[in-house]
Amino acid sequence: MELVEAVKTQGEIKQIANLLEKHKGTIYKDIWVLGVNAALRISDLLSITMEMALKGTITINEGKTGKLRVIPLNSTAMATVRARAEANPTHIYLFEGESNRAKFKPISRSSVTKSFKEIGDILGLKLGTHSMRKTLGYVMYSQGERLERISKVLNHKDTGVTMRYIGLTQEDVNKAYEEYEITF
């Protein structure tokens, strides 16, 4: 599995959403928008039903860890949910396929992976489905959130995992040395 990265600027986050919608369709943009706001793994994100999402809180047993997660949806995520529900009133899943073969099933993980990679290639980013989780973690970190809280949001066991996960680079370390100067 190829290593993917967090998207580190608000401009790029929005640009990805716009490119996904333009080149791949609204469903892929909506997956991106909800994904960066809920920070769920793609398998958990695709398993969300329309009924569950419309409640405004996602309650899910994580596929990877088996742990129960309760995630309140913020206003951006809820706007996406409502728009999907209005546009797709007969869908069972929030991100349901449209073809006859995919009726009443969520869109495939491989389809999302491929679409995200293609947009990443356009932008020169290592973009994948896990980039959504990493992006929320990085955004929280860059806005001064405590590593312990980010770790809890991402459901990591320790902050060391979270630091590697959000992709702190040598550039980030250099910036810290420039920003935090102790003068005499």
N, C-alpha and C. Protein backbone atom coordinates (compact mmCIF):
# COMPACT_ATOMS: atom_id res chain seq x y z
N MET A 1 0.85 -1.18 0.00
CA MET A 1 0.00 0.00 0.00
C MET A 1 0.89 1.24 0.00
N GLU A 2 0.61 2.16 -0.88
CA GLU A 2 1.41 3.36 -1.01
C GLU A 2 1.11 4.33 0.14
N LEU A 3 2.16 4.94 0.66
CA LEU A 3 2.01 5.91 1.73
C LEU A 3 1.38 7.18 1.18
N VAL A 4 0.33 7.65 1.84
CA VAL A 4 -0.32 8.89 1.42
C VAL A 4 -0.07 9.95 2.48
N GLU A 5 -0.34 11.19 2.12
CA GLU A 5 -0.03 12.28 3.03
C GLU A 5 -1.25 13.12 3.38
N ALA A 6 -1.08 13.90 4.44
CA ALA A 6 -2.10 14.87 4.82
C ALA A 6 -2.05 16.03 3.82
N VAL A 7 -3.17 16.64 3.60
CA VAL A 7 -3.24 17.85 2.80
C VAL A 7 -3.09 18.99 3.79
N LYS A 8 -2.14 19.89 3.56
CA LYS A 8 -1.71 20.80 4.62
C LYS A 8 -2.19 22.24 4.50
N THR A 9 -2.90 22.58 3.43
CA THR A 9 -3.42 23.95 3.35
C THR A 9 -4.91 23.92 3.04
N GLN A 10 -5.60 24.93 3.55
CA GLN A 10 -7.04 25.05 3.30
C GLN A 10 -7.31 25.18 1.81
N GLY A 11 -6.43 25.89 1.10
CA GLY A 11 -6.60 26.05 -0.34
C GLY A 11 -6.56 24.72 -1.07
N GLU A 12 -5.60 23.86 -0.71
CA GLU A 12 -5.51 22.55 -1.35
C GLU A 12 -6.69 21.66 -0.98
N ILE A 13 -7.16 21.75 0.26
CA ILE A 13 -8.30 20.95 0.70
C ILE A 13 -9.52 21.29 -0.16
N LYS A 14 -9.76 22.58 -0.37
CA LYS A 14 -10.88 23.02 -1.20
C LYS A 14 -10.66 22.68 -2.67
N GLN A 15 -9.41 22.82 -3.12
CA GLN A 15 -9.10 22.51 -4.51
C GLN A 15 -9.36 21.04 -4.82
N ILE A 16 -9.04 20.17 -3.88
CA ILE A 16 -9.30 18.74 -4.07
C ILE A 16 -10.80 18.50 -4.19
N ALA A 17 -11.58 19.13 -3.33
CA ALA A 17 -13.04 18.98 -3.40
C ALA A 17 -13.56 19.43 -4.77
N ASN A 18 -13.08 20.57 -5.24
CA ASN A 18 -13.52 21.09 -6.53
C ASN A 18 -13.12 20.17 -7.69
N LEU A 19 -11.88 19.68 -7.65
CA LEU A 19 -11.41 18.79 -8.72
C LEU A 19 -12.13 17.44 -8.70
N LEU A 20 -12.40 16.93 -7.52
CA LEU A 20 -13.15 15.68 -7.42
C LEU A 20 -14.53 15.84 -8.05
N GLU A 21 -15.19 16.95 -7.72
CA GLU A 21 -16.52 17.17 -8.29
C GLU A 21 -16.46 17.33 -9.80
N LYS A 22 -15.49 18.10 -10.27
CA LYS A 22 -15.36 18.36 -11.71
C LYS A 22 -15.01 17.11 -12.51
N HIS A 23 -14.05 16.33 -12.01
CA HIS A 23 -13.55 15.18 -12.78
C HIS A 23 -14.21 13.86 -12.44
N LYS A 24 -14.73 13.72 -11.22
CA LYS A 24 -15.23 12.42 -10.77
C LYS A 24 -16.70 12.43 -10.36
N GLY A 25 -17.24 13.59 -10.04
CA GLY A 25 -18.64 13.69 -9.67
C GLY A 25 -18.84 14.09 -8.21
N THR A 26 -20.06 14.49 -7.93
CA THR A 26 -20.41 15.00 -6.61
C THR A 26 -20.19 13.98 -5.50
N ILE A 27 -20.44 12.72 -5.77
CA ILE A 27 -20.31 11.71 -4.72
C ILE A 27 -18.88 11.67 -4.17
N TYR A 28 -17.89 11.82 -5.04
CA TYR A 28 -16.48 11.78 -4.60
C TYR A 28 -16.12 13.05 -3.83
N LYS A 29 -16.65 14.18 -4.28
CA LYS A 29 -16.45 15.42 -3.52
C LYS A 29 -17.07 15.28 -2.14
N ASP A 30 -18.28 14.74 -2.08
CA ASP A 30 -18.97 14.59 -0.80
C ASP A 30 -18.24 13.62 0.13
N ILE A 31 -17.67 12.56 -0.41
CA ILE A 31 -16.87 11.64 0.40
C ILE A 31 -15.69 12.40 1.00
N TRP A 32 -15.03 13.22 0.18
CA TRP A 32 -13.90 14.01 0.66
C TRP A 32 -14.33 14.98 1.77
N VAL A 33 -15.40 15.71 1.54
CA VAL A 33 -15.87 16.71 2.51
C VAL A 33 -16.24 16.04 3.84
N LEU A 34 -17.01 14.98 3.78
CA LEU A 34 -17.38 14.29 5.02
C LEU A 34 -16.16 13.62 5.64
N GLY A 35 -15.31 13.07 4.81
CA GLY A 35 -14.13 12.38 5.31
C GLY A 35 -13.15 13.26 6.07
N VAL A 36 -12.91 14.47 5.56
CA VAL A 36 -11.98 15.36 6.28
C VAL A 36 -12.63 15.93 7.54
N ASN A 37 -13.93 15.91 7.61
CA ASN A 37 -14.61 16.42 8.80
C ASN A 37 -14.87 15.35 9.86
N ALA A 38 -15.05 14.10 9.44
CA ALA A 38 -15.33 13.02 10.40
C ALA A 38 -14.10 12.17 10.72
N ALA A 39 -13.11 12.20 9.84
CA ALA A 39 -11.85 11.47 10.03
C ALA A 39 -12.05 9.97 10.28
N LEU A 40 -12.99 9.40 9.57
CA LEU A 40 -13.20 7.95 9.64
C LEU A 40 -12.37 7.25 8.57
N ARG A 41 -12.01 6.02 8.83
CA ARG A 41 -11.37 5.21 7.79
C ARG A 41 -12.39 5.01 6.67
N ILE A 42 -11.90 4.80 5.45
CA ILE A 42 -12.79 4.73 4.29
C ILE A 42 -13.82 3.62 4.41
N SER A 43 -13.43 2.47 4.94
CA SER A 43 -14.40 1.37 5.06
C SER A 43 -15.54 1.74 6.01
N ASP A 44 -15.22 2.47 7.07
CA ASP A 44 -16.26 2.91 8.01
C ASP A 44 -17.11 4.03 7.40
N LEU A 45 -16.47 4.93 6.67
CA LEU A 45 -17.17 6.04 6.03
C LEU A 45 -18.19 5.52 5.01
N LEU A 46 -17.79 4.53 4.22
CA LEU A 46 -18.67 4.00 3.19
C LEU A 46 -19.81 3.17 3.75
N SER A 47 -19.68 2.73 4.99
CA SER A 47 -20.74 1.90 5.60
C SER A 47 -21.86 2.74 6.23
N ILE A 48 -21.72 4.05 6.24
CA ILE A 48 -22.72 4.93 6.85
C ILE A 48 -24.01 4.90 6.04
N THR A 49 -25.09 4.66 6.73
CA THR A 49 -26.39 4.68 6.06
C THR A 49 -26.96 6.11 6.07
N MET A 50 -27.89 6.34 5.17
CA MET A 50 -28.54 7.64 5.10
C MET A 50 -29.25 7.93 6.42
N GLU A 51 -29.94 6.94 6.95
CA GLU A 51 -30.67 7.09 8.21
C GLU A 51 -29.74 7.49 9.35
N MET A 52 -28.61 6.81 9.44
CA MET A 52 -27.64 7.09 10.49
C MET A 52 -27.10 8.53 10.37
N ALA A 53 -26.74 8.91 9.17
CA ALA A 53 -26.14 10.23 8.94
C ALA A 53 -27.11 11.36 9.25
N LEU A 54 -28.38 11.18 8.90
CA LEU A 54 -29.37 12.23 9.12
C LEU A 54 -29.64 12.51 10.60
N LYS A 55 -29.22 11.62 11.47
CA LYS A 55 -29.37 11.84 12.92
C LYS A 55 -28.38 12.89 13.42
N GLY A 56 -27.34 13.14 12.65
CA GLY A 56 -26.36 14.16 13.04
C GLY A 56 -25.22 13.64 13.89
N THR A 57 -25.28 12.39 14.27
CA THR A 57 -24.21 11.75 15.03
C THR A 57 -24.01 10.37 14.46
N ILE A 58 -22.79 10.06 14.09
CA ILE A 58 -22.46 8.74 13.56
C ILE A 58 -22.03 7.87 14.74
N THR A 59 -22.71 6.76 14.92
CA THR A 59 -22.33 5.78 15.93
C THR A 59 -21.94 4.52 15.16
N ILE A 60 -20.68 4.12 15.31
CA ILE A 60 -20.17 3.04 14.48
C ILE A 60 -19.14 2.21 15.24
N ASN A 61 -19.15 0.92 15.01
CA ASN A 61 -18.07 0.06 15.49
C ASN A 61 -17.00 0.08 14.40
N GLU A 62 -15.84 0.59 14.74
CA GLU A 62 -14.77 0.69 13.74
C GLU A 62 -14.40 -0.70 13.24
N GLY A 63 -14.29 -0.80 11.92
CA GLY A 63 -13.93 -2.06 11.32
C GLY A 63 -12.54 -2.52 11.72
N LYS A 64 -11.58 -1.61 11.80
CA LYS A 64 -10.20 -1.98 12.10
C LYS A 64 -10.00 -2.34 13.57
N THR A 65 -10.55 -1.53 14.46
CA THR A 65 -10.29 -1.70 15.89
C THR A 65 -11.41 -2.41 16.63
N GLY A 66 -12.61 -2.39 16.05
CA GLY A 66 -13.77 -2.96 16.73
C GLY A 66 -14.32 -2.07 17.83
N LYS A 67 -13.70 -0.90 18.01
CA LYS A 67 -14.12 0.03 19.06
C LYS A 67 -15.35 0.81 18.61
N LEU A 68 -16.22 1.10 19.57
CA LEU A 68 -17.39 1.93 19.31
C LEU A 68 -16.94 3.38 19.24
N ARG A 69 -17.35 4.07 18.20
CA ARG A 69 -17.04 5.49 18.03
C ARG A 69 -18.35 6.25 17.89
N VAL A 70 -18.43 7.40 18.53
CA VAL A 70 -19.57 8.29 18.39
C VAL A 70 -19.01 9.62 17.90
N ILE A 71 -19.43 10.01 16.69
CA ILE A 71 -18.88 11.20 16.05
C ILE A 71 -20.00 12.16 15.70
N PRO A 72 -20.06 13.29 16.41
CA PRO A 72 -21.06 14.30 16.04
C PRO A 72 -20.64 14.99 14.74
N LEU A 73 -21.57 15.19 13.85
CA LEU A 73 -21.26 15.83 12.58
C LEU A 73 -21.38 17.34 12.70
N ASN A 74 -20.36 18.05 12.23
CA ASN A 74 -20.38 19.51 12.27
C ASN A 74 -21.28 20.05 11.15
N SER A 75 -21.42 21.35 11.09
CA SER A 75 -22.37 21.94 10.13
C SER A 75 -21.99 21.67 8.68
N THR A 76 -20.71 21.64 8.36
CA THR A 76 -20.28 21.34 6.99
C THR A 76 -20.63 19.91 6.63
N ALA A 77 -20.37 18.98 7.53
CA ALA A 77 -20.70 17.58 7.29
C ALA A 77 -22.21 17.40 7.15
N MET A 78 -22.99 18.06 8.01
CA MET A 78 -24.44 17.93 7.95
C MET A 78 -25.02 18.53 6.67
N ALA A 79 -24.43 19.60 6.19
CA ALA A 79 -24.89 20.19 4.93
C ALA A 79 -24.68 19.19 3.79
N THR A 80 -23.57 18.48 3.82
CA THR A 80 -23.29 17.46 2.81
C THR A 80 -24.30 16.32 2.93
N VAL A 81 -24.57 15.88 4.14
CA VAL A 81 -25.53 14.79 4.38
C VAL A 81 -26.92 15.19 3.87
N ARG A 82 -27.36 16.38 4.22
CA ARG A 82 -28.69 16.83 3.79
C ARG A 82 -28.80 16.93 2.27
N ALA A 83 -27.75 17.46 1.63
CA ALA A 83 -27.76 17.57 0.17
C ALA A 83 -27.81 16.19 -0.48
N ARG A 84 -27.08 15.23 0.07
CA ARG A 84 -27.10 13.87 -0.47
C ARG A 84 -28.48 13.24 -0.28
N ALA A 85 -29.07 13.45 0.89
CA ALA A 85 -30.39 12.88 1.18
C ALA A 85 -31.44 13.46 0.24
N GLU A 86 -31.36 14.75 -0.01
CA GLU A 86 -32.32 15.41 -0.89
C GLU A 86 -32.16 14.93 -2.34
N ALA A 87 -30.91 14.78 -2.77
CA ALA A 87 -30.64 14.37 -4.15
C ALA A 87 -30.87 12.87 -4.37
N ASN A 88 -30.83 12.08 -3.29
CA ASN A 88 -30.91 10.63 -3.41
C ASN A 88 -31.88 10.05 -2.38
N PRO A 89 -33.15 10.39 -2.45
CA PRO A 89 -34.10 10.00 -1.41
C PRO A 89 -34.33 8.49 -1.27
N THR A 90 -34.00 7.70 -2.28
CA THR A 90 -34.22 6.26 -2.20
C THR A 90 -32.97 5.48 -1.77
N HIS A 91 -31.87 6.17 -1.58
CA HIS A 91 -30.62 5.48 -1.23
C HIS A 91 -30.64 4.99 0.22
N ILE A 92 -30.09 3.83 0.41
CA ILE A 92 -29.91 3.27 1.76
C ILE A 92 -28.62 3.82 2.36
N TYR A 93 -27.56 3.80 1.57
CA TYR A 93 -26.24 4.27 2.03
C TYR A 93 -26.02 5.72 1.63
N LEU A 94 -25.29 6.42 2.45
CA LEU A 94 -24.99 7.82 2.18
C LEU A 94 -24.23 7.96 0.86
N PHE A 95 -23.31 7.03 0.61
CA PHE A 95 -22.50 7.06 -0.61
C PHE A 95 -22.78 5.81 -1.45
N GLU A 96 -23.98 5.75 -1.95
CA GLU A 96 -24.45 4.58 -2.69
C GLU A 96 -24.16 4.72 -4.18
N GLY A 97 -23.79 3.59 -4.79
CA GLY A 97 -23.53 3.59 -6.22
C GLY A 97 -24.82 3.77 -7.02
N GLU A 98 -24.67 4.19 -8.26
CA GLU A 98 -25.83 4.45 -9.13
C GLU A 98 -26.09 3.34 -10.15
N SER A 99 -25.09 2.55 -10.46
CA SER A 99 -25.28 1.52 -11.49
C SER A 99 -26.20 0.41 -10.97
N ASN A 100 -26.75 -0.36 -11.88
CA ASN A 100 -27.64 -1.45 -11.48
C ASN A 100 -26.93 -2.47 -10.60
N ARG A 101 -25.66 -2.75 -10.91
CA ARG A 101 -24.88 -3.69 -10.09
C ARG A 101 -24.64 -3.17 -8.69
N ALA A 102 -24.54 -1.86 -8.54
CA ALA A 102 -24.20 -1.26 -7.25
C ALA A 102 -25.42 -0.74 -6.49
N LYS A 103 -26.60 -0.92 -7.05
CA LYS A 103 -27.82 -0.45 -6.37
C LYS A 103 -27.90 -1.03 -4.97
N PHE A 104 -28.23 -0.18 -4.04
CA PHE A 104 -28.41 -0.55 -2.63
C PHE A 104 -27.11 -1.04 -1.97
N LYS A 105 -25.98 -0.64 -2.53
CA LYS A 105 -24.66 -0.93 -1.95
C LYS A 105 -23.85 0.37 -1.95
N PRO A 106 -22.96 0.51 -0.99
CA PRO A 106 -22.10 1.69 -1.02
C PRO A 106 -21.14 1.63 -2.21
N ILE A 107 -20.69 2.77 -2.65
CA ILE A 107 -19.68 2.85 -3.70
C ILE A 107 -18.46 2.07 -3.22
N SER A 108 -17.67 1.56 -4.12
CA SER A 108 -16.55 0.70 -3.72
C SER A 108 -15.35 1.51 -3.22
N ARG A 109 -14.67 0.91 -2.30
CA ARG A 109 -13.44 1.51 -1.75
C ARG A 109 -12.41 1.70 -2.87
N SER A 110 -12.30 0.73 -3.77
CA SER A 110 -11.30 0.82 -4.84
C SER A 110 -11.61 1.98 -5.79
N SER A 111 -12.88 2.23 -6.02
CA SER A 111 -13.27 3.36 -6.87
C SER A 111 -12.87 4.69 -6.24
N VAL A 112 -13.07 4.81 -4.94
CA VAL A 112 -12.69 6.03 -4.24
C VAL A 112 -11.17 6.18 -4.24
N THR A 113 -10.47 5.09 -3.96
CA THR A 113 -9.01 5.11 -3.94
C THR A 113 -8.46 5.58 -5.28
N LYS A 114 -8.97 5.00 -6.35
CA LYS A 114 -8.52 5.35 -7.70
C LYS A 114 -8.80 6.83 -8.01
N SER A 115 -9.98 7.29 -7.67
CA SER A 115 -10.36 8.68 -7.95
C SER A 115 -9.48 9.67 -7.17
N PHE A 116 -9.25 9.38 -5.90
CA PHE A 116 -8.41 10.26 -5.09
C PHE A 116 -6.98 10.28 -5.63
N LYS A 117 -6.46 9.13 -6.02
CA LYS A 117 -5.11 9.06 -6.56
C LYS A 117 -4.99 9.90 -7.83
N GLU A 118 -5.98 9.82 -8.69
CA GLU A 118 -5.96 10.59 -9.94
C GLU A 118 -5.92 12.09 -9.66
N ILE A 119 -6.70 12.54 -8.70
CA ILE A 119 -6.70 13.97 -8.35
C ILE A 119 -5.36 14.33 -7.70
N GLY A 120 -4.83 13.45 -6.87
CA GLY A 120 -3.51 13.68 -6.28
C GLY A 120 -2.44 13.81 -7.35
N ASP A 121 -2.51 12.98 -8.38
CA ASP A 121 -1.55 13.06 -9.48
C ASP A 121 -1.62 14.41 -10.18
N ILE A 122 -2.84 14.91 -10.36
CA ILE A 122 -3.01 16.23 -11.00
C ILE A 122 -2.31 17.31 -10.16
N LEU A 123 -2.42 17.21 -8.84
CA LEU A 123 -1.88 18.24 -7.95
C LEU A 123 -0.46 17.96 -7.46
N GLY A 124 0.06 16.80 -7.80
CA GLY A 124 1.40 16.44 -7.33
C GLY A 124 1.42 16.07 -5.85
N LEU A 125 0.32 15.50 -5.37
CA LEU A 125 0.22 15.08 -3.96
C LEU A 125 0.05 13.57 -3.90
N LYS A 126 0.53 12.98 -2.82
CA LYS A 126 0.29 11.56 -2.57
C LYS A 126 -1.04 11.46 -1.84
N LEU A 127 -2.11 11.48 -2.63
CA LEU A 127 -3.46 11.53 -2.09
C LEU A 127 -4.11 10.16 -2.15
N GLY A 128 -4.73 9.78 -1.06
CA GLY A 128 -5.46 8.53 -0.98
C GLY A 128 -6.60 8.68 0.00
N THR A 129 -7.31 7.60 0.24
CA THR A 129 -8.46 7.67 1.13
C THR A 129 -8.05 8.00 2.57
N HIS A 130 -6.86 7.56 2.96
CA HIS A 130 -6.41 7.84 4.32
C HIS A 130 -5.98 9.31 4.49
N SER A 131 -5.81 10.01 3.39
CA SER A 131 -5.45 11.43 3.46
C SER A 131 -6.52 12.23 4.19
N MET A 132 -7.77 11.78 4.15
CA MET A 132 -8.84 12.51 4.83
C MET A 132 -8.59 12.55 6.33
N ARG A 133 -8.30 11.39 6.93
CA ARG A 133 -8.01 11.32 8.37
C ARG A 133 -6.76 12.12 8.71
N LYS A 134 -5.74 11.94 7.91
CA LYS A 134 -4.47 12.62 8.16
C LYS A 134 -4.64 14.14 8.06
N THR A 135 -5.46 14.57 7.13
CA THR A 135 -5.68 16.00 6.93
C THR A 135 -6.34 16.64 8.15
N LEU A 136 -7.38 16.03 8.69
CA LEU A 136 -8.00 16.59 9.89
C LEU A 136 -6.99 16.68 11.02
N GLY A 137 -6.21 15.63 11.22
CA GLY A 137 -5.20 15.63 12.27
C GLY A 137 -4.19 16.75 12.07
N TYR A 138 -3.73 16.92 10.84
CA TYR A 138 -2.75 17.97 10.56
C TYR A 138 -3.35 19.36 10.76
N VAL A 139 -4.56 19.56 10.30
CA VAL A 139 -5.22 20.87 10.45
C VAL A 139 -5.37 21.20 11.94
N MET A 140 -5.80 20.22 12.72
CA MET A 140 -5.94 20.44 14.17
C MET A 140 -4.58 20.83 14.78
N TYR A 141 -3.54 20.09 14.40
CA TYR A 141 -2.20 20.35 14.92
C TYR A 141 -1.71 21.74 14.52
N SER A 142 -1.90 22.09 13.26
CA SER A 142 -1.40 23.38 12.77
C SER A 142 -2.14 24.56 13.39
N GLN A 143 -3.34 24.30 13.92
CA GLN A 143 -4.09 25.36 14.59
C GLN A 143 -3.88 25.36 16.10
N GLY A 144 -2.89 24.58 16.56
CA GLY A 144 -2.49 24.64 17.95
C GLY A 144 -3.17 23.64 18.87
N GLU A 145 -3.90 22.69 18.31
CA GLU A 145 -4.57 21.70 19.16
C GLU A 145 -3.54 20.79 19.80
N ARG A 146 -3.81 20.38 21.04
CA ARG A 146 -2.91 19.48 21.76
C ARG A 146 -2.86 18.13 21.07
N LEU A 147 -1.68 17.56 21.02
CA LEU A 147 -1.46 16.27 20.39
C LEU A 147 -2.30 15.18 21.04
N GLU A 148 -2.50 15.27 22.35
CA GLU A 148 -3.30 14.27 23.06
C GLU A 148 -4.75 14.27 22.56
N ARG A 149 -5.28 15.44 22.32
CA ARG A 149 -6.66 15.53 21.83
C ARG A 149 -6.77 15.01 20.39
N ILE A 150 -5.79 15.35 19.56
CA ILE A 150 -5.78 14.85 18.18
C ILE A 150 -5.71 13.33 18.19
N SER A 151 -4.86 12.81 19.04
CA SER A 151 -4.71 11.36 19.18
C SER A 151 -6.04 10.70 19.55
N LYS A 152 -6.77 11.32 20.44
CA LYS A 152 -8.08 10.81 20.86
C LYS A 152 -9.09 10.87 19.71
N VAL A 153 -9.10 11.99 18.98
CA VAL A 153 -10.02 12.15 17.85
C VAL A 153 -9.76 11.08 16.79
N LEU A 154 -8.48 10.79 16.53
CA LEU A 154 -8.12 9.81 15.51
C LEU A 154 -8.13 8.38 16.06
N ASN A 155 -8.39 8.26 17.37
CA ASN A 155 -8.46 6.96 18.03
C ASN A 155 -7.13 6.22 17.98
N HIS A 156 -6.03 6.97 18.20
CA HIS A 156 -4.70 6.38 18.26
C HIS A 156 -4.36 6.03 19.70
N LYS A 157 -3.53 5.02 19.87
CA LYS A 157 -3.14 4.59 21.21
C LYS A 157 -2.19 5.56 21.89
N ASP A 158 -1.32 6.20 21.10
CA ASP A 158 -0.39 7.15 21.72
C ASP A 158 -0.05 8.28 20.75
N THR A 159 0.52 9.33 21.31
CA THR A 159 0.80 10.54 20.52
C THR A 159 1.94 10.35 19.53
N GLY A 160 2.83 9.39 19.79
CA GLY A 160 3.91 9.12 18.84
C GLY A 160 3.36 8.65 17.51
N VAL A 161 2.35 7.81 17.57
CA VAL A 161 1.68 7.35 16.34
C VAL A 161 1.06 8.54 15.63
N THR A 162 0.42 9.41 16.38
CA THR A 162 -0.25 10.58 15.80
C THR A 162 0.76 11.51 15.13
N MET A 163 1.91 11.72 15.76
CA MET A 163 2.92 12.60 15.16
C MET A 163 3.38 12.08 13.81
N ARG A 164 3.66 10.79 13.71
CA ARG A 164 4.08 10.20 12.43
C ARG A 164 2.92 10.26 11.43
N TYR A 165 1.75 10.02 11.93
CA TYR A 165 0.55 9.94 11.11
C TYR A 165 0.24 11.25 10.40
N ILE A 166 0.32 12.36 11.12
CA ILE A 166 -0.05 13.65 10.52
C ILE A 166 1.05 14.22 9.64
N GLY A 167 2.21 13.57 9.64
CA GLY A 167 3.24 13.92 8.67
C GLY A 167 4.05 15.16 9.00
N LEU A 168 4.46 15.28 10.25
CA LEU A 168 5.34 16.40 10.59
C LEU A 168 6.67 16.19 9.86
N THR A 169 7.11 17.23 9.18
CA THR A 169 8.29 17.12 8.32
C THR A 169 9.44 17.96 8.89
N GLN A 170 10.59 17.83 8.28
CA GLN A 170 11.73 18.64 8.67
C GLN A 170 11.40 20.12 8.50
N GLU A 171 10.60 20.43 7.50
CA GLU A 171 10.17 21.82 7.27
C GLU A 171 9.38 22.33 8.49
N ASP A 172 8.53 21.48 9.05
CA ASP A 172 7.77 21.86 10.25
C ASP A 172 8.70 22.10 11.43
N VAL A 173 9.71 21.26 11.56
CA VAL A 173 10.69 21.42 12.65
C VAL A 173 11.47 22.72 12.45
N ASN A 174 11.91 22.97 11.22
CA ASN A 174 12.66 24.21 10.94
C ASN A 174 11.82 25.44 11.25
N LYS A 175 10.56 25.39 10.91
CA LYS A 175 9.66 26.51 11.16
C LYS A 175 9.55 26.78 12.66
N ALA A 176 9.51 25.71 13.45
CA ALA A 176 9.45 25.88 14.91
C ALA A 176 10.69 26.61 15.43
N TYR A 177 11.85 26.26 14.90
CA TYR A 177 13.08 26.94 15.33
C TYR A 177 13.05 28.43 14.96
N GLU A 178 12.44 28.74 13.84
CA GLU A 178 12.33 30.14 13.43
C GLU A 178 11.30 30.90 14.27
N GLU A 179 10.21 30.26 14.62
CA GLU A 179 9.13 30.91 15.35
C GLU A 179 9.42 31.09 16.83
N TYR A 180 10.19 30.19 17.40
CA TYR A 180 10.40 30.20 18.86
C TYR A 180 11.85 30.53 19.16
N GLU A 181 12.13 31.81 19.16
CA GLU A 181 13.47 32.29 19.44
C GLU A 181 13.49 32.90 20.83
N ILE A 182 14.46 32.47 21.60
CA ILE A 182 14.62 33.02 22.94
C ILE A 182 15.78 34.00 22.89
N THR A 183 15.44 35.25 23.05
CA THR A 183 16.49 36.29 22.93
C THR A 183 16.96 36.73 24.30
N PHE A 184 18.19 37.25 24.32
CA PHE A 184 18.79 37.75 25.57
C PHE A 184 19.23 39.17 25.40
